[in-house]
Amino acid sequence: MTIQERKAIPVPQVEARTPVPRQNLRVPGPTPVPPDVLEAQAAPMINHRGPEFSAIMKRVTPRLEYFFQTRSRVLTYPASGTGGQECAVVNVFSPGDHVVSIIIGNFGTRLAKIAEAYGVKVSRIEFAWGEFADPAVVEARLKELAPYKGVMMTHNETSTGVTNDIQTLAALVRRLSPDALIVVDAVSSLSSLPLEMDPWDLDVVFTGSQKGWMIPPGIMMIAASERAWQAHKTSKMPRFYWDWSSTLKQLESSWQHPTTPPVSLFYALDVALDKMLDEGREAIFARHVRAGEYVRGRAQAMGLELLAKDARYASNTVTAIRAPEGIETKALLKKLHDQDQIVLADGQDHMKGKMFRIGHLGYFTDADLQQAMDAVERHLKELGYRA
């Protein structure tokens, strides 16, 4: 392309900007943000190398450690939950390491693929979508697959609406292979569901801001045990942005980040953690139990089938529901969006168009959930569904 031709490129014509309407956002992330948390983000920018930002980090970090239930430092990165998956892999494993991945859905598969992309030899223990990771099956397979450097698992699988029994799985891994690294994807569980990093002897745990933490996407939080830090010292994975050592050094020397942090999101996190502590950790867990039971109960009362095959392991942060025979998921979601400003999530991967998912984590009210389920019931009838 010549200089003359470049000068001829026209100014792009775009549609006029319109305000984003208020929605009843019921996807499993991003989740709604409380008004005072939204307001906090409008504060003026500050120097991320100055004392004001350090003061925020001094407040945020110990409160994150409280919710992680760990004495280890919780590190934060400008990233999504997928960044947490990659950050975990590159800091504790080396190319050629044998690692076992317990998979119950789309995000467990993603974690395995990331490890493989870095040259890790991954053995999969896979369960059908809607099933939990049966400890008896996992134990038998781990015995067959030994030795292995680590075991990766998802706590709460948003693609299927199933929660794994991490405490039991971690205990059996530790019994079979005391030195194995236990890596837990807690993106859609931590802060909303019980998870105790130190008491359960977990080695790497990570989560994302856009789920139960009640702030927008953009902050990933991750913590590592002493066992994981020792593995970090010998890991030969290429890393720069994700390097734990540089992040910890900057945090402990100045309560800052080695790279530019999303300052506005830390304003939000500071306020959101205040709200979470005011509500109380156990009260938060109980609220999510009630939400899960309500949504599942309403769905079953309509004669709908949950994807979670065992009610004991049904998620309290997201409910996955099979589309009834003859009902197009796309049509249902469009009606909800266009007529009611209610936004649900489609299925993922091979379940796209065959199910829909309702998020109930972080900031929500009973009225939000009732409105969503009332609208689902009404629109299903309009589309011809009869229980």
Protein backbone atom coordinates (compact mmCIF):
# COMPACT_ATOMS: atom_id res chain seq x y z
CA MET A 1 0.00 0.00 0.00
CA THR A 2 1.44 3.39 -1.01
CA ILE A 3 1.49 6.52 1.11
CA GLN A 4 -1.15 8.04 -1.17
CA GLU A 5 -3.41 5.01 -0.74
CA ARG A 6 -3.01 5.13 3.05
CA LYS A 7 -4.07 8.76 3.07
CA ALA A 8 -7.21 7.78 1.18
CA ILE A 9 -8.53 5.50 3.95
CA PRO A 10 -11.86 7.05 4.99
CA VAL A 11 -12.89 7.89 8.53
CA PRO A 12 -14.91 4.88 9.77
CA GLN A 13 -18.64 5.38 10.10
CA VAL A 14 -19.98 3.92 13.35
CA GLU A 15 -23.38 3.67 14.93
CA ALA A 16 -24.33 6.33 17.46
CA ARG A 17 -23.47 5.43 21.03
CA THR A 18 -26.51 4.44 23.08
CA PRO A 19 -26.67 3.94 26.84
CA VAL A 20 -26.31 0.36 28.04
CA PRO A 21 -29.71 -0.66 29.44
CA ARG A 22 -30.03 -2.05 32.93
CA GLN A 23 -30.13 -5.81 32.63
CA ASN A 24 -30.83 -8.67 34.95
CA LEU A 25 -27.47 -10.23 34.13
CA ARG A 26 -27.72 -13.91 35.01
CA VAL A 27 -24.68 -15.34 33.26
CA PRO A 28 -21.98 -17.02 35.37
CA GLY A 29 -19.61 -14.13 34.72
CA PRO A 30 -19.19 -11.25 34.37
CA THR A 31 -21.62 -10.76 37.22
CA PRO A 32 -23.48 -7.63 38.34
CA VAL A 33 -21.57 -5.02 40.34
CA PRO A 34 -23.09 -3.23 43.38
CA PRO A 35 -23.74 0.51 42.90
CA ASP A 36 -21.21 1.62 45.52
CA VAL A 37 -18.54 -0.61 43.96
CA LEU A 38 -19.30 0.88 40.54
CA GLU A 39 -19.09 4.36 42.03
CA ALA A 40 -15.70 3.63 43.59
CA GLN A 41 -14.20 3.06 40.14
CA ALA A 42 -14.91 6.68 39.18
CA ALA A 43 -12.28 8.01 41.62
CA PRO A 44 -9.38 9.92 40.03
CA MET A 45 -6.31 8.06 38.82
CA ILE A 46 -3.36 7.86 41.19
CA ASN A 47 0.29 6.96 40.76
CA HIS A 48 0.48 3.16 40.88
CA ARG A 49 4.00 3.59 42.30
CA GLY A 50 2.84 5.99 44.99
CA PRO A 51 1.80 5.61 48.64
CA GLU A 52 -1.92 5.82 47.87
CA PHE A 53 -1.90 2.65 45.78
CA SER A 54 0.36 0.88 48.27
CA ALA A 55 -2.22 1.66 50.96
CA ILE A 56 -4.91 -0.05 48.88
CA MET A 57 -2.74 -3.14 48.42
CA LYS A 58 -2.06 -3.25 52.16
CA ARG A 59 -5.81 -3.39 52.76
CA VAL A 60 -6.72 -5.75 49.92
CA THR A 61 -4.05 -8.44 50.29
CA PRO A 62 -4.72 -9.69 53.84
CA ARG A 63 -8.45 -9.75 53.20
CA LEU A 64 -7.92 -11.88 50.10
CA GLU A 65 -5.80 -14.24 52.19
CA TYR A 66 -8.68 -14.50 54.67
CA PHE A 67 -11.09 -15.59 51.92
CA PHE A 68 -8.52 -17.99 50.44
CA GLN A 69 -7.99 -19.35 53.98
CA THR A 70 -4.22 -19.27 53.59
CA ARG A 71 -1.18 -17.82 55.30
CA SER A 72 0.53 -17.62 51.92
CA ARG A 73 0.62 -14.34 50.04
CA VAL A 74 -2.18 -13.89 47.52
CA LEU A 75 -0.70 -12.39 44.35
CA THR A 76 -2.79 -10.35 41.93
CA TYR A 77 -2.42 -9.92 38.17
CA PRO A 78 -4.27 -7.89 35.53
CA ALA A 79 -5.88 -10.93 33.89
CA SER A 80 -8.90 -13.18 33.53
CA GLY A 81 -9.41 -16.64 35.00
CA THR A 82 -7.68 -18.17 31.98
CA GLY A 83 -4.65 -16.12 32.93
CA GLY A 84 -4.81 -17.85 36.30
CA GLN A 85 -4.70 -21.23 34.58
CA GLU A 86 -1.60 -20.28 32.60
CA CYS A 87 0.03 -18.59 35.58
CA ALA A 88 -0.37 -21.76 37.65
CA VAL A 89 1.11 -24.01 34.97
CA VAL A 90 4.20 -21.95 34.11
CA ASN A 91 5.25 -21.37 37.70
CA VAL A 92 5.37 -24.91 39.06
CA PHE A 93 5.86 -27.32 36.13
CA SER A 94 8.60 -27.91 33.55
CA PRO A 95 8.40 -29.21 29.97
CA GLY A 96 8.15 -32.99 30.06
CA ASP A 97 6.61 -33.20 33.53
CA HIS A 98 3.81 -35.75 33.87
CA VAL A 99 0.67 -34.10 35.25
CA VAL A 100 -2.82 -35.52 35.75
CA SER A 101 -5.84 -33.36 34.89
CA ILE A 102 -9.26 -34.18 36.38
CA ILE A 103 -11.84 -32.90 33.90
CA ILE A 104 -15.61 -32.49 34.30
CA GLY A 105 -16.24 -29.82 31.67
CA ASN A 106 -14.97 -27.11 29.37
CA PHE A 107 -12.67 -25.28 31.78
CA GLY A 108 -10.99 -28.43 32.99
CA THR A 109 -10.25 -29.20 29.35
CA ARG A 110 -8.84 -25.69 28.86
CA LEU A 111 -6.46 -26.09 31.79
CA ALA A 112 -5.17 -29.36 30.32
CA LYS A 113 -4.68 -27.74 26.91
CA ILE A 114 -2.70 -24.87 28.42
CA ALA A 115 -0.39 -27.31 30.18
CA GLU A 116 0.10 -29.25 26.95
CA ALA A 117 0.89 -26.03 25.08
CA TYR A 118 3.87 -25.61 27.41
CA GLY A 119 5.14 -29.12 26.84
CA VAL A 120 3.65 -30.81 29.91
CA LYS A 121 2.67 -34.45 29.46
CA VAL A 122 -0.97 -34.50 30.54
CA SER A 123 -2.95 -37.61 31.44
CA ARG A 124 -6.69 -36.93 31.58
CA ILE A 125 -9.24 -38.38 33.99
CA GLU A 126 -12.41 -37.30 32.23
CA PHE A 127 -16.02 -37.49 33.32
CA ALA A 128 -19.12 -36.90 31.22
CA TRP A 129 -20.59 -33.40 31.33
CA GLY A 130 -22.98 -33.24 34.27
CA GLU A 131 -20.99 -35.72 36.37
CA PHE A 132 -18.76 -34.92 39.32
CA ALA A 133 -15.26 -36.33 39.73
CA ASP A 134 -16.02 -39.57 41.57
CA PRO A 135 -13.24 -40.01 44.17
CA ALA A 136 -13.27 -43.81 43.77
CA VAL A 137 -12.73 -43.54 40.02
CA VAL A 138 -10.07 -40.85 40.48
CA GLU A 139 -8.22 -42.96 43.04
CA ALA A 140 -8.14 -46.02 40.79
CA ARG A 141 -6.90 -44.00 37.82
CA LEU A 142 -4.26 -42.16 39.86
CA LYS A 143 -2.84 -45.49 40.96
CA GLU A 144 -2.58 -46.50 37.29
CA LEU A 145 -1.01 -43.20 36.21
CA ALA A 146 1.64 -42.81 38.91
CA PRO A 147 4.16 -41.29 39.12
CA TYR A 148 3.08 -37.72 38.38
CA LYS A 149 4.33 -34.25 39.34
CA GLY A 150 0.91 -32.77 40.00
CA VAL A 151 -2.85 -33.06 39.77
CA MET A 152 -4.99 -30.26 38.34
CA MET A 153 -8.72 -30.00 39.06
CA THR A 154 -11.64 -27.61 38.76
CA HIS A 155 -13.60 -26.79 41.89
CA ASN A 156 -16.75 -25.45 40.25
CA GLU A 157 -17.34 -26.09 36.54
CA THR A 158 -19.44 -23.28 35.07
CA SER A 159 -19.98 -25.13 31.80
CA THR A 160 -21.91 -27.90 33.56
CA GLY A 161 -23.17 -26.51 36.87
CA VAL A 162 -21.28 -29.13 38.89
CA THR A 163 -19.08 -28.65 41.97
CA ASN A 164 -16.33 -31.13 42.79
CA ASP A 165 -15.58 -32.33 46.33
CA ILE A 166 -12.12 -30.77 46.39
CA GLN A 167 -11.44 -31.60 50.02
CA THR A 168 -11.93 -35.33 49.40
CA LEU A 169 -10.06 -35.30 46.09
CA ALA A 170 -7.13 -33.43 47.61
CA ALA A 171 -6.95 -35.83 50.55
CA LEU A 172 -6.75 -38.88 48.32
CA VAL A 173 -4.08 -37.26 46.11
CA ARG A 174 -2.04 -36.45 49.19
CA ARG A 175 -2.43 -40.03 50.49
CA LEU A 176 -1.38 -41.59 47.19
CA SER A 177 1.37 -39.11 46.31
CA PRO A 178 2.40 -36.93 49.27
CA ASP A 179 4.64 -34.61 47.21
CA ALA A 180 2.31 -34.10 44.25
CA LEU A 181 1.25 -30.53 43.53
CA ILE A 182 -2.50 -29.96 43.81
CA VAL A 183 -3.60 -27.15 41.47
CA VAL A 184 -7.19 -25.93 41.85
CA ASP A 185 -9.14 -23.72 39.46
CA ALA A 186 -11.46 -21.89 41.84
CA VAL A 187 -12.48 -19.14 39.42
CA SER A 188 -16.24 -19.49 39.93
CA SER A 189 -16.22 -20.82 43.49
CA LEU A 190 -13.80 -18.98 45.75
CA SER A 191 -15.61 -16.25 47.73
CA SER A 192 -18.99 -17.89 47.08
CA LEU A 193 -18.48 -21.54 48.07
CA PRO A 194 -16.44 -23.03 50.92
CA LEU A 195 -12.80 -23.60 49.95
CA GLU A 196 -9.99 -23.75 52.50
CA MET A 197 -6.57 -23.65 50.91
CA ASP A 198 -4.33 -24.37 53.89
CA PRO A 199 -6.58 -26.75 55.86
CA TRP A 200 -7.20 -28.82 52.69
CA ASP A 201 -3.48 -28.79 51.82
CA LEU A 202 -3.93 -27.28 48.35
CA ASP A 203 -0.83 -26.03 46.56
CA VAL A 204 -2.04 -23.54 43.95
CA VAL A 205 -5.45 -21.85 44.00
CA PHE A 206 -6.61 -19.10 41.67
CA THR A 207 -9.80 -17.14 41.01
CA GLY A 208 -11.11 -14.18 38.98
CA SER A 209 -12.64 -10.86 39.93
CA GLN A 210 -15.64 -11.11 37.60
CA LYS A 211 -17.31 -13.94 39.52
CA GLY A 212 -18.19 -13.91 43.21
CA TRP A 213 -15.99 -10.94 44.07
CA MET A 214 -18.58 -8.48 42.73
CA ILE A 215 -16.26 -6.39 40.55
CA PRO A 216 -15.68 -6.25 36.77
CA PRO A 217 -13.31 -8.59 34.91
CA GLY A 218 -9.63 -7.81 35.04
CA ILE A 219 -8.03 -9.04 38.28
CA MET A 220 -6.79 -12.59 38.78
CA MET A 221 -5.84 -13.68 42.29
CA ILE A 222 -3.52 -16.64 42.96
CA ALA A 223 -1.84 -18.17 46.01
CA ALA A 224 0.82 -20.87 46.35
CA SER A 225 1.82 -23.16 49.21
CA GLU A 226 5.40 -23.61 50.40
CA ARG A 227 5.48 -26.85 48.39
CA ALA A 228 4.48 -24.92 45.26
CA TRP A 229 7.06 -22.19 45.92
CA GLN A 230 9.76 -24.85 46.12
CA ALA A 231 8.56 -26.25 42.77
CA HIS A 232 8.62 -22.70 41.38
CA LYS A 233 12.34 -22.45 42.16
CA THR A 234 13.14 -25.42 39.88
CA SER A 235 10.45 -24.89 37.21
CA LYS A 236 11.95 -24.36 33.77
CA MET A 237 8.92 -22.91 32.03
CA PRO A 238 9.42 -19.64 30.11
CA ARG A 239 7.70 -16.80 31.93
CA PHE A 240 7.99 -13.08 32.47
CA TYR A 241 4.60 -11.48 33.02
CA TRP A 242 3.43 -14.43 35.13
CA ASP A 243 6.59 -14.83 37.20
CA TRP A 244 5.67 -15.25 40.86
CA SER A 245 9.09 -14.21 42.12
CA SER A 246 9.01 -10.73 40.58
CA THR A 247 5.41 -10.22 41.68
CA LEU A 248 6.11 -11.26 45.27
CA LYS A 249 9.29 -9.18 45.42
CA GLN A 250 7.42 -6.05 44.34
CA LEU A 251 4.57 -6.75 46.74
CA GLU A 252 6.79 -7.32 49.77
CA SER A 253 9.15 -4.43 49.03
CA SER A 254 6.59 -1.74 48.22
CA TRP A 255 3.04 -3.19 48.17
CA GLN A 256 2.93 -2.65 44.42
CA HIS A 257 2.99 -4.61 41.14
CA PRO A 258 5.90 -5.19 38.74
CA THR A 259 3.64 -4.08 35.87
CA THR A 260 0.85 -1.50 35.65
CA PRO A 261 -2.16 -2.67 37.68
CA PRO A 262 -5.81 -1.89 36.83
CA VAL A 263 -6.07 0.89 39.40
CA SER A 264 -9.84 1.43 39.07
CA LEU A 265 -10.50 -2.26 39.65
CA PHE A 266 -8.51 -2.13 42.87
CA TYR A 267 -10.68 0.78 44.01
CA ALA A 268 -13.62 -1.55 43.37
CA LEU A 269 -12.05 -4.57 45.05
CA ASP A 270 -11.26 -2.53 48.14
CA VAL A 271 -14.94 -1.63 48.56
CA ALA A 272 -16.24 -5.06 47.56
CA LEU A 273 -14.10 -6.76 50.21
CA ASP A 274 -15.54 -4.37 52.82
CA LYS A 275 -19.02 -5.49 51.80
CA MET A 276 -18.06 -9.16 51.91
CA LEU A 277 -16.57 -8.89 55.39
CA ASP A 278 -19.65 -6.99 56.58
CA GLU A 279 -21.88 -9.79 55.32
CA GLY A 280 -19.62 -12.50 56.73
CA ARG A 281 -18.04 -15.46 55.02
CA GLU A 282 -20.47 -18.07 56.32
CA ALA A 283 -23.45 -15.85 55.51
CA ILE A 284 -22.19 -15.50 51.94
CA PHE A 285 -21.95 -19.28 51.61
CA ALA A 286 -25.45 -19.71 53.04
CA ARG A 287 -26.86 -17.11 50.63
CA HIS A 288 -25.44 -19.02 47.68
CA VAL A 289 -26.87 -22.30 48.99
CA ARG A 290 -30.33 -20.71 49.14
CA ALA A 291 -29.91 -19.29 45.63
CA GLY A 292 -28.87 -22.63 44.16
CA GLU A 293 -31.72 -24.46 45.85
CA TYR A 294 -34.23 -21.88 44.65
CA VAL A 295 -33.18 -21.92 41.00
CA ARG A 296 -32.93 -25.72 40.86
CA GLY A 297 -36.26 -26.06 42.62
CA ARG A 298 -38.01 -23.72 40.19
CA ALA A 299 -36.48 -25.52 37.21
CA GLN A 300 -37.54 -28.93 38.45
CA ALA A 301 -41.03 -27.66 39.26
CA MET A 302 -41.30 -26.74 35.57
CA GLY A 303 -40.34 -30.29 34.65
CA LEU A 304 -36.92 -29.22 33.35
CA GLU A 305 -33.87 -31.46 33.55
CA LEU A 306 -30.71 -30.29 35.27
CA LEU A 307 -27.41 -31.14 33.64
CA ALA A 308 -25.97 -32.00 37.08
CA LYS A 309 -26.78 -35.69 37.46
CA ASP A 310 -26.27 -35.87 41.23
CA ALA A 311 -28.03 -33.23 43.32
CA ARG A 312 -25.32 -33.41 45.99
CA TYR A 313 -22.82 -31.91 43.56
CA ALA A 314 -25.06 -29.35 41.86
CA SER A 315 -23.40 -25.94 41.86
CA ASN A 316 -24.66 -23.14 44.08
CA THR A 317 -23.18 -20.49 41.78
CA VAL A 318 -24.53 -21.58 38.38
CA THR A 319 -27.35 -23.87 37.31
CA ALA A 320 -27.17 -25.66 33.95
CA ILE A 321 -30.51 -26.74 32.48
CA ARG A 322 -31.11 -28.92 29.44
CA ALA A 323 -33.31 -27.34 26.78
CA PRO A 324 -36.63 -29.21 26.54
CA GLU A 325 -37.29 -31.28 23.44
CA GLY A 326 -38.39 -29.05 20.58
CA ILE A 327 -37.28 -25.79 22.24
CA GLU A 328 -34.49 -23.79 20.63
CA THR A 329 -32.18 -22.34 23.25
CA LYS A 330 -31.38 -19.41 20.99
CA ALA A 331 -35.05 -18.47 20.72
CA LEU A 332 -35.55 -18.63 24.47
CA LEU A 333 -32.48 -16.53 25.22
CA LYS A 334 -33.50 -13.96 22.61
CA LYS A 335 -36.98 -13.57 24.11
CA LEU A 336 -35.51 -13.12 27.57
CA HIS A 337 -33.02 -10.54 26.32
CA ASP A 338 -35.28 -8.55 24.01
CA GLN A 339 -38.48 -8.55 26.04
CA ASP A 340 -37.27 -8.64 29.63
CA GLN A 341 -33.62 -7.51 29.58
CA ILE A 342 -32.76 -10.80 31.27
CA VAL A 343 -29.50 -12.34 30.07
CA LEU A 344 -28.82 -16.05 30.50
CA ALA A 345 -25.91 -18.04 29.07
CA ASP A 346 -25.99 -20.63 26.31
CA GLY A 347 -24.22 -23.96 26.61
CA GLN A 348 -20.60 -24.32 25.60
CA ASP A 349 -18.75 -26.61 23.23
CA HIS A 350 -20.88 -29.62 22.19
CA MET A 351 -23.72 -28.45 24.49
CA LYS A 352 -24.19 -25.12 22.70
CA GLY A 353 -27.85 -24.78 21.78
CA LYS A 354 -28.77 -27.76 23.94
CA MET A 355 -28.88 -26.11 27.34
CA PHE A 356 -28.95 -22.77 29.12
CA ARG A 357 -27.18 -21.61 32.25
CA ILE A 358 -28.32 -19.30 35.02
CA GLY A 359 -25.71 -17.57 37.15
CA HIS A 360 -26.42 -16.83 40.82
CA LEU A 361 -23.15 -15.72 42.35
CA GLY A 362 -21.74 -12.56 43.81
CA TYR A 363 -24.16 -9.64 43.83
CA PHE A 364 -27.81 -10.60 43.33
CA THR A 365 -31.15 -10.39 45.09
CA ASP A 366 -33.94 -12.89 45.58
CA ALA A 367 -36.06 -10.67 43.33
CA ASP A 368 -33.47 -10.94 40.53
CA LEU A 369 -33.66 -14.73 40.60
CA GLN A 370 -37.45 -14.80 40.85
CA GLN A 371 -37.81 -12.43 37.90
CA ALA A 372 -35.49 -14.60 35.81
CA MET A 373 -37.23 -17.86 36.63
CA ASP A 374 -40.71 -16.35 36.14
CA ALA A 375 -39.64 -15.13 32.70
CA VAL A 376 -38.11 -18.51 31.76
CA GLU A 377 -41.38 -20.22 32.68
CA ARG A 378 -43.47 -17.72 30.72
CA HIS A 379 -41.37 -17.80 27.56
CA LEU A 380 -41.06 -21.59 27.54
CA LYS A 381 -44.86 -21.78 27.45
CA GLU A 382 -44.94 -19.25 24.61
CA LEU A 383 -42.51 -21.45 22.69
CA GLY A 384 -44.80 -24.44 23.10
CA TYR A 385 -43.25 -26.20 26.07
CA ARG A 386 -45.59 -28.27 28.21
CA ALA A 387 -44.23 -30.11 31.23
